[in-house]
């Protein structure tokens, strides 16, 4: 996520694991060294499992 003025943000990419996100962050810093980026994780979606009684 790129941090912008006035508490705004912009999602750059989404990754399934931290290592991929950190690798991408290093690449972004090479091309835009003065830009501010953050790695943010979304909590996993909870799936509700409904048990249906047997008749």
PDB file of N, CA and C in Angstrom:
ATOM      1  N   UNK A   1       0.842  -1.154   0.000  1.00  0.00           N
ATOM      2  CA  UNK A   1       0.000   0.000   0.000  1.00  0.00           C
ATOM      3  C   UNK A   1       0.898   1.230   0.000  1.00  0.00           C
ATOM      4  N   UNK A   2       0.587   2.185  -0.826  1.00  0.00           N
ATOM      5  CA  UNK A   2       1.359   3.422  -0.860  1.00  0.00           C
ATOM      6  C   UNK A   2       0.630   4.459  -0.019  1.00  0.00           C
ATOM      7  N   UNK A   3       1.367   5.109   0.871  1.00  0.00           N
ATOM      8  CA  UNK A   3       0.797   6.132   1.724  1.00  0.00           C
ATOM      9  C   UNK A   3       0.852   7.469   1.001  1.00  0.00           C
ATOM     10  N   UNK A   4      -0.294   8.129   0.907  1.00  0.00           N
ATOM     11  CA  UNK A   4      -0.415   9.403   0.218  1.00  0.00           C
ATOM     12  C   UNK A   4      -0.783  10.496   1.224  1.00  0.00           C
ATOM     13  N   UNK A   5      -0.717  11.757   0.818  1.00  0.00           N
ATOM     14  CA  UNK A   5      -1.079  12.848   1.730  1.00  0.00           C
ATOM     15  C   UNK A   5      -2.541  12.745   2.185  1.00  0.00           C
ATOM     16  N   UNK A   6      -2.831  13.418   3.290  1.00  0.00           N
ATOM     17  CA  UNK A   6      -4.191  13.476   3.845  1.00  0.00           C
ATOM     18  C   UNK A   6      -4.749  12.100   4.213  1.00  0.00           C
ATOM     19  N   UNK A   7      -3.888  11.243   4.735  1.00  0.00           N
ATOM     20  CA  UNK A   7      -4.294   9.909   5.211  1.00  0.00           C
ATOM     21  C   UNK A   7      -4.926   9.052   4.124  1.00  0.00           C
ATOM     22  N   UNK A   8      -4.560   9.293   2.889  1.00  0.00           N
ATOM     23  CA  UNK A   8      -5.071   8.475   1.798  1.00  0.00           C
ATOM     24  C   UNK A   8      -4.095   7.328   1.550  1.00  0.00           C
ATOM     25  N   UNK A   9      -4.574   6.293   0.916  1.00  0.00           N
ATOM     26  CA  UNK A   9      -3.704   5.175   0.570  1.00  0.00           C
ATOM     27  C   UNK A   9      -4.134   4.586  -0.767  1.00  0.00           C
ATOM     28  N   UNK A  10      -3.219   3.840  -1.365  1.00  0.00           N
ATOM     29  CA  UNK A  10      -3.475   3.217  -2.658  1.00  0.00           C
ATOM     30  C   UNK A  10      -2.887   1.810  -2.620  1.00  0.00           C
ATOM     31  N   UNK A  11      -3.711   0.817  -2.890  1.00  0.00           N
ATOM     32  CA  UNK A  11      -3.240  -0.563  -2.911  1.00  0.00           C
ATOM     33  C   UNK A  11      -2.467  -0.794  -4.207  1.00  0.00           C
ATOM     34  N   UNK A  12      -1.233  -1.224  -4.071  1.00  0.00           N
ATOM     35  CA  UNK A  12      -0.362  -1.464  -5.218  1.00  0.00           C
ATOM     36  C   UNK A  12      -0.513  -2.901  -5.714  1.00  0.00           C
ATOM     37  N   UNK A  13      -0.463  -3.865  -4.811  1.00  0.00           N
ATOM     38  CA  UNK A  13      -0.546  -5.272  -5.196  1.00  0.00           C
ATOM     39  C   UNK A  13      -0.998  -6.095  -3.991  1.00  0.00           C
ATOM     40  N   UNK A  14      -1.433  -7.301  -4.253  1.00  0.00           N
ATOM     41  CA  UNK A  14      -1.830  -8.229  -3.184  1.00  0.00           C
ATOM     42  C   UNK A  14      -1.018  -9.510  -3.337  1.00  0.00           C
ATOM     43  N   UNK A  15      -0.599 -10.046  -2.196  1.00  0.00           N
ATOM     44  CA  UNK A  15       0.225 -11.251  -2.195  1.00  0.00           C
ATOM     45  C   UNK A  15      -0.321 -12.234  -1.176  1.00  0.00           C
ATOM     46  N   UNK A  16       0.002 -13.507  -1.384  1.00  0.00           N
ATOM     47  CA  UNK A  16      -0.456 -14.544  -0.476  1.00  0.00           C
ATOM     48  C   UNK A  16       0.500 -14.776   0.683  1.00  0.00           C
ATOM     49  N   UNK A  17       1.751 -14.324   0.555  1.00  0.00           N
ATOM     50  CA  UNK A  17       2.681 -14.534   1.667  1.00  0.00           C
ATOM     51  C   UNK A  17       3.561 -13.303   1.869  1.00  0.00           C
ATOM     52  N   UNK A  18       4.124 -13.201   3.053  1.00  0.00           N
ATOM     53  CA  UNK A  18       4.900 -12.038   3.451  1.00  0.00           C
ATOM     54  C   UNK A  18       6.172 -11.880   2.624  1.00  0.00           C
ATOM     55  N   UNK A  19       6.833 -12.983   2.309  1.00  0.00           N
ATOM     56  CA  UNK A  19       8.095 -12.906   1.557  1.00  0.00           C
ATOM     57  C   UNK A  19       7.894 -12.260   0.194  1.00  0.00           C
ATOM     58  N   UNK A  20       6.836 -12.629  -0.505  1.00  0.00           N
ATOM     59  CA  UNK A  20       6.560 -12.024  -1.802  1.00  0.00           C
ATOM     60  C   UNK A  20       6.290 -10.528  -1.661  1.00  0.00           C
ATOM     61  N   UNK A  21       5.559 -10.138  -0.612  1.00  0.00           N
ATOM     62  CA  UNK A  21       5.262  -8.728  -0.375  1.00  0.00           C
ATOM     63  C   UNK A  21       6.541  -7.944  -0.079  1.00  0.00           C
ATOM     64  N   UNK A  22       7.436  -8.507   0.725  1.00  0.00           N
ATOM     65  CA  UNK A  22       8.691  -7.819   1.056  1.00  0.00           C
ATOM     66  C   UNK A  22       9.598  -7.712  -0.170  1.00  0.00           C
ATOM     67  N   UNK A  23       9.621  -8.748  -0.998  1.00  0.00           N
ATOM     68  CA  UNK A  23      10.415  -8.689  -2.239  1.00  0.00           C
ATOM     69  C   UNK A  23       9.900  -7.588  -3.156  1.00  0.00           C
ATOM     70  N   UNK A  24       8.605  -7.476  -3.278  1.00  0.00           N
ATOM     71  CA  UNK A  24       8.015  -6.439  -4.123  1.00  0.00           C
ATOM     72  C   UNK A  24       8.297  -5.054  -3.541  1.00  0.00           C
ATOM     73  N   UNK A  25       8.256  -4.938  -2.222  1.00  0.00           N
ATOM     74  CA  UNK A  25       8.546  -3.666  -1.566  1.00  0.00           C
ATOM     75  C   UNK A  25       9.977  -3.215  -1.854  1.00  0.00           C
ATOM     76  N   UNK A  26      10.930  -4.143  -1.828  1.00  0.00           N
ATOM     77  CA  UNK A  26      12.324  -3.804  -2.153  1.00  0.00           C
ATOM     78  C   UNK A  26      12.445  -3.316  -3.591  1.00  0.00           C
ATOM     79  N   UNK A  27      11.721  -3.954  -4.505  1.00  0.00           N
ATOM     80  CA  UNK A  27      11.746  -3.531  -5.905  1.00  0.00           C
ATOM     81  C   UNK A  27      11.162  -2.126  -6.052  1.00  0.00           C
ATOM     82  N   UNK A  28      10.061  -1.846  -5.361  1.00  0.00           N
ATOM     83  CA  UNK A  28       9.447  -0.517  -5.430  1.00  0.00           C
ATOM     84  C   UNK A  28      10.398   0.560  -4.908  1.00  0.00           C
ATOM     85  N   UNK A  29      11.117   0.253  -3.834  1.00  0.00           N
ATOM     86  CA  UNK A  29      12.051   1.231  -3.264  1.00  0.00           C
ATOM     87  C   UNK A  29      13.226   1.515  -4.198  1.00  0.00           C
ATOM     88  N   UNK A  30      13.592   0.552  -5.035  1.00  0.00           N
ATOM     89  CA  UNK A  30      14.657   0.804  -6.010  1.00  0.00           C
ATOM     90  C   UNK A  30      14.228   1.822  -7.053  1.00  0.00           C
ATOM     91  N   UNK A  31      12.977   1.739  -7.480  1.00  0.00           N
ATOM     92  CA  UNK A  31      12.473   2.627  -8.526  1.00  0.00           C
ATOM     93  C   UNK A  31      11.917   3.945  -7.990  1.00  0.00           C
ATOM     94  N   UNK A  32      11.438   3.937  -6.749  1.00  0.00           N
ATOM     95  CA  UNK A  32      10.876   5.153  -6.126  1.00  0.00           C
ATOM     96  C   UNK A  32      11.410   5.273  -4.703  1.00  0.00           C
ATOM     97  N   UNK A  33      12.681   5.636  -4.538  1.00  0.00           N
ATOM     98  CA  UNK A  33      13.312   5.604  -3.217  1.00  0.00           C
ATOM     99  C   UNK A  33      12.705   6.582  -2.207  1.00  0.00           C
ATOM    100  N   UNK A  34      12.075   7.653  -2.653  1.00  0.00           N
ATOM    101  CA  UNK A  34      11.524   8.629  -1.709  1.00  0.00           C
ATOM    102  C   UNK A  34      10.058   8.361  -1.365  1.00  0.00           C
ATOM    103  N   UNK A  35       9.437   7.421  -2.048  1.00  0.00           N
ATOM    104  CA  UNK A  35       8.034   7.104  -1.784  1.00  0.00           C
ATOM    105  C   UNK A  35       7.909   6.292  -0.496  1.00  0.00           C
ATOM    106  N   UNK A  36       6.764   6.413   0.160  1.00  0.00           N
ATOM    107  CA  UNK A  36       6.500   5.686   1.401  1.00  0.00           C
ATOM    108  C   UNK A  36       5.501   4.570   1.109  1.00  0.00           C
ATOM    109  N   UNK A  37       5.880   3.359   1.465  1.00  0.00           N
ATOM    110  CA  UNK A  37       5.027   2.189   1.263  1.00  0.00           C
ATOM    111  C   UNK A  37       4.870   1.454   2.585  1.00  0.00           C
ATOM    112  N   UNK A  38       3.780   0.720   2.712  1.00  0.00           N
ATOM    113  CA  UNK A  38       3.543  -0.111   3.886  1.00  0.00           C
ATOM    114  C   UNK A  38       3.031  -1.463   3.416  1.00  0.00           C
ATOM    115  N   UNK A  39       3.377  -2.495   4.162  1.00  0.00           N
ATOM    116  CA  UNK A  39       2.804  -3.813   3.935  1.00  0.00           C
ATOM    117  C   UNK A  39       1.671  -3.968   4.936  1.00  0.00           C
ATOM    118  N   UNK A  40       0.500  -4.273   4.423  1.00  0.00           N
ATOM    119  CA  UNK A  40      -0.687  -4.399   5.269  1.00  0.00           C
ATOM    120  C   UNK A  40      -1.297  -5.766   5.018  1.00  0.00           C
ATOM    121  N   UNK A  41      -1.693  -6.429   6.086  1.00  0.00           N
ATOM    122  CA  UNK A  41      -2.327  -7.734   5.959  1.00  0.00           C
ATOM    123  C   UNK A  41      -3.800  -7.623   6.317  1.00  0.00           C
ATOM    124  N   UNK A  42      -4.636  -8.237   5.494  1.00  0.00           N
ATOM    125  CA  UNK A  42      -6.058  -8.299   5.780  1.00  0.00           C
ATOM    126  C   UNK A  42      -6.322  -9.570   6.586  1.00  0.00           C
ATOM    127  N   UNK A  43      -7.209  -9.489   7.562  1.00  0.00           N
ATOM    128  CA  UNK A  43      -7.531 -10.718   8.300  1.00  0.00           C
ATOM    129  C   UNK A  43      -8.219 -11.715   7.374  1.00  0.00           C
ATOM    130  N   UNK A  44      -7.983 -12.991   7.586  1.00  0.00           N
ATOM    131  CA  UNK A  44      -8.631 -13.976   6.714  1.00  0.00           C
ATOM    132  C   UNK A  44     -10.144 -13.934   6.892  1.00  0.00           C
ATOM    133  N   UNK A  45     -10.832 -14.191   5.814  1.00  0.00           N
ATOM    134  CA  UNK A  45     -12.283 -14.221   5.894  1.00  0.00           C
ATOM    135  C   UNK A  45     -12.708 -15.451   6.673  1.00  0.00           C
ATOM    136  N   UNK A  46     -13.639 -15.250   7.566  1.00  0.00           N
ATOM    137  CA  UNK A  46     -14.134 -16.382   8.345  1.00  0.00           C
ATOM    138  C   UNK A  46     -15.262 -17.048   7.571  1.00  0.00           C
ATOM    139  N   UNK A  47     -15.138 -18.322   7.421  1.00  0.00           N
ATOM    140  CA  UNK A  47     -16.193 -19.067   6.752  1.00  0.00           C
ATOM    141  C   UNK A  47     -17.020 -19.760   7.819  1.00  0.00           C
ATOM    142  N   UNK A  48     -18.272 -19.584   7.745  1.00  0.00           N
ATOM    143  CA  UNK A  48     -19.140 -20.229   8.732  1.00  0.00           C
ATOM    144  C   UNK A  48     -19.557 -21.585   8.194  1.00  0.00           C
ATOM    145  N   UNK A  49     -19.365 -22.567   9.002  1.00  0.00           N
ATOM    146  CA  UNK A  49     -19.746 -23.929   8.637  1.00  0.00           C
ATOM    147  C   UNK A  49     -21.030 -24.236   9.383  1.00  0.00           C
ATOM    148  N   UNK A  50     -22.055 -24.481   8.622  1.00  0.00           N
ATOM    149  CA  UNK A  50     -23.337 -24.794   9.231  1.00  0.00           C
ATOM    150  C   UNK A  50     -23.531 -26.308   9.221  1.00  0.00           C
ATOM    151  N   UNK A  51     -23.756 -26.816  10.385  1.00  0.00           N
ATOM    152  CA  UNK A  51     -24.021 -28.245  10.506  1.00  0.00           C
ATOM    153  C   UNK A  51     -25.514 -28.457  10.326  1.00  0.00           C
ATOM    154  N   UNK A  52     -25.851 -29.340   9.446  1.00  0.00           N
ATOM    155  CA  UNK A  52     -27.252 -29.639   9.250  1.00  0.00           C
ATOM    156  C   UNK A  52     -27.550 -30.960   9.958  1.00  0.00           C
ATOM    157  N   UNK A  53     -28.597 -30.952  10.763  1.00  0.00           N
ATOM    158  CA  UNK A  53     -28.913 -32.195  11.477  1.00  0.00           C
ATOM    159  C   UNK A  53     -29.319 -33.311  10.514  1.00  0.00           C
ATOM    160  N   UNK A  54     -28.943 -34.517  10.860  1.00  0.00           N
ATOM    161  CA  UNK A  54     -29.337 -35.663  10.045  1.00  0.00           C
ATOM    162  C   UNK A  54     -30.785 -36.008  10.360  1.00  0.00           C
ATOM    163  N   UNK A  55     -31.596 -36.292   9.345  1.00  0.00           N
ATOM    164  CA  UNK A  55     -33.030 -36.622   9.606  1.00  0.00           C
ATOM    165  C   UNK A  55     -33.216 -37.973  10.216  1.00  0.00           C
TER     166      UNK A  55
END
